[in-house]
């Protein structure tokens, strides 16, 4: 529930952060369902966790490098429109 709240709140944040939080919801769901005995869900959760981690590293470096150089070197998409 907490992560779903963060997804809703991140609608005004850069799009990459919203995507990371949606992937985190999927990751936690797949790993939770894996406890029921589905080996395929564990495999999916592992790959999805690697994808989420890669996006988190990109976001962290993009924020840091863009701030240090004072310009957009690594693009961060604008937030989702809430019109």
C-alpha atoms as a PDB file:
ATOM      1  CA  UNK A   1       0.000   0.000   0.000  1.00  0.00           C
ATOM      2  CA  UNK A   2       2.824   2.396   0.809  1.00  0.00           C
ATOM      3  CA  UNK A   3       4.420   1.917  -2.604  1.00  0.00           C
ATOM      4  CA  UNK A   4       1.088   2.486  -4.332  1.00  0.00           C
ATOM      5  CA  UNK A   5       0.796   5.765  -2.437  1.00  0.00           C
ATOM      6  CA  UNK A   6       4.247   6.740  -3.639  1.00  0.00           C
ATOM      7  CA  UNK A   7       3.238   5.948  -7.237  1.00  0.00           C
ATOM      8  CA  UNK A   8       0.287   8.310  -6.966  1.00  0.00           C
ATOM      9  CA  UNK A   9       2.385  11.025  -5.332  1.00  0.00           C
ATOM     10  CA  UNK A  10       5.128  10.678  -7.949  1.00  0.00           C
ATOM     11  CA  UNK A  11       2.823  11.773 -10.771  1.00  0.00           C
ATOM     12  CA  UNK A  12       4.404  15.243 -10.532  1.00  0.00           C
ATOM     13  CA  UNK A  13       7.969  13.869 -10.344  1.00  0.00           C
ATOM     14  CA  UNK A  14      10.145  12.932 -13.316  1.00  0.00           C
ATOM     15  CA  UNK A  15       8.624  10.097 -15.326  1.00  0.00           C
ATOM     16  CA  UNK A  16      11.563   7.787 -14.590  1.00  0.00           C
ATOM     17  CA  UNK A  17      10.745   7.871 -10.875  1.00  0.00           C
ATOM     18  CA  UNK A  18       7.106   6.979 -11.540  1.00  0.00           C
ATOM     19  CA  UNK A  19       8.191   4.064 -13.747  1.00  0.00           C
ATOM     20  CA  UNK A  20      10.591   2.848 -11.036  1.00  0.00           C
ATOM     21  CA  UNK A  21       7.822   2.902  -8.444  1.00  0.00           C
ATOM     22  CA  UNK A  22       5.386   1.053 -10.722  1.00  0.00           C
ATOM     23  CA  UNK A  23       8.065  -1.576 -11.348  1.00  0.00           C
ATOM     24  CA  UNK A  24       8.609  -1.801  -7.589  1.00  0.00           C
ATOM     25  CA  UNK A  25       4.910  -2.524  -7.060  1.00  0.00           C
ATOM     26  CA  UNK A  26       5.121  -5.284  -9.686  1.00  0.00           C
ATOM     27  CA  UNK A  27       8.324  -6.615  -8.111  1.00  0.00           C
ATOM     28  CA  UNK A  28       6.882  -6.785  -4.610  1.00  0.00           C
ATOM     29  CA  UNK A  29       3.720  -8.416  -5.919  1.00  0.00           C
ATOM     30  CA  UNK A  30       5.572 -11.053  -7.906  1.00  0.00           C
ATOM     31  CA  UNK A  31       7.920 -11.854  -5.038  1.00  0.00           C
ATOM     32  CA  UNK A  32       4.983 -12.047  -2.634  1.00  0.00           C
ATOM     33  CA  UNK A  33       3.088 -14.404  -4.927  1.00  0.00           C
ATOM     34  CA  UNK A  34       6.247 -16.477  -5.320  1.00  0.00           C
ATOM     35  CA  UNK A  35       5.740 -17.623  -1.739  1.00  0.00           C
ATOM     36  CA  UNK A  36       2.811 -19.684  -3.015  1.00  0.00           C
ATOM     37  CA  UNK A  37       5.293 -21.951  -4.791  1.00  0.00           C
ATOM     38  CA  UNK A  38       5.538 -20.517  -8.302  1.00  0.00           C
ATOM     39  CA  UNK A  39       9.124 -20.820  -9.512  1.00  0.00           C
ATOM     40  CA  UNK A  40       8.273 -18.834 -12.647  1.00  0.00           C
ATOM     41  CA  UNK A  41       7.197 -15.874 -10.531  1.00  0.00           C
ATOM     42  CA  UNK A  42      10.511 -15.967  -8.684  1.00  0.00           C
ATOM     43  CA  UNK A  43      12.398 -15.918 -11.976  1.00  0.00           C
ATOM     44  CA  UNK A  44      10.244 -13.074 -13.283  1.00  0.00           C
ATOM     45  CA  UNK A  45      10.742 -11.192 -10.011  1.00  0.00           C
ATOM     46  CA  UNK A  46      14.502 -11.617 -10.285  1.00  0.00           C
ATOM     47  CA  UNK A  47      14.674 -10.215 -13.808  1.00  0.00           C
ATOM     48  CA  UNK A  48      12.251  -7.448 -12.938  1.00  0.00           C
ATOM     49  CA  UNK A  49      14.347  -6.585  -9.875  1.00  0.00           C
ATOM     50  CA  UNK A  50      17.460  -6.247 -12.036  1.00  0.00           C
ATOM     51  CA  UNK A  51      15.554  -3.932 -14.405  1.00  0.00           C
ATOM     52  CA  UNK A  52      14.280  -1.840 -11.501  1.00  0.00           C
ATOM     53  CA  UNK A  53      17.773  -1.622 -10.012  1.00  0.00           C
ATOM     54  CA  UNK A  54      19.256  -0.512 -13.324  1.00  0.00           C
ATOM     55  CA  UNK A  55      16.672   2.255 -13.620  1.00  0.00           C
ATOM     56  CA  UNK A  56      17.365   3.363 -10.045  1.00  0.00           C
ATOM     57  CA  UNK A  57      21.098   3.608 -10.754  1.00  0.00           C
ATOM     58  CA  UNK A  58      20.374   5.607 -13.947  1.00  0.00           C
ATOM     59  CA  UNK A  59      18.083   7.980 -12.050  1.00  0.00           C
ATOM     60  CA  UNK A  60      20.623   8.516  -9.273  1.00  0.00           C
ATOM     61  CA  UNK A  61      23.483   9.229 -11.677  1.00  0.00           C
ATOM     62  CA  UNK A  62      21.272  11.415 -13.887  1.00  0.00           C
ATOM     63  CA  UNK A  63      20.249  13.569 -10.916  1.00  0.00           C
ATOM     64  CA  UNK A  64      23.821  13.817  -9.683  1.00  0.00           C
ATOM     65  CA  UNK A  65      25.527  14.524 -13.015  1.00  0.00           C
ATOM     66  CA  UNK A  66      22.853  16.946 -14.240  1.00  0.00           C
ATOM     67  CA  UNK A  67      23.100  18.873 -10.981  1.00  0.00           C
ATOM     68  CA  UNK A  68      26.914  18.941 -10.948  1.00  0.00           C
ATOM     69  CA  UNK A  69      27.209  20.169 -14.545  1.00  0.00           C
ATOM     70  CA  UNK A  70      24.182  22.466 -14.351  1.00  0.00           C
ATOM     71  CA  UNK A  71      22.631  21.162 -17.561  1.00  0.00           C
ATOM     72  CA  UNK A  72      20.748  18.124 -18.866  1.00  0.00           C
ATOM     73  CA  UNK A  73      23.385  15.594 -19.851  1.00  0.00           C
ATOM     74  CA  UNK A  74      21.238  12.574 -18.955  1.00  0.00           C
ATOM     75  CA  UNK A  75      17.614  13.203 -19.889  1.00  0.00           C
ATOM     76  CA  UNK A  76      14.874  12.843 -17.332  1.00  0.00           C
ATOM     77  CA  UNK A  77      11.446  12.891 -18.949  1.00  0.00           C
ATOM     78  CA  UNK A  78       8.908  15.368 -17.652  1.00  0.00           C
ATOM     79  CA  UNK A  79       6.188  14.253 -15.316  1.00  0.00           C
ATOM     80  CA  UNK A  80       2.987  12.648 -16.548  1.00  0.00           C
ATOM     81  CA  UNK A  81       0.319  15.190 -17.477  1.00  0.00           C
ATOM     82  CA  UNK A  82      -2.612  15.278 -15.081  1.00  0.00           C
ATOM     83  CA  UNK A  83      -5.062  17.198 -17.245  1.00  0.00           C
END
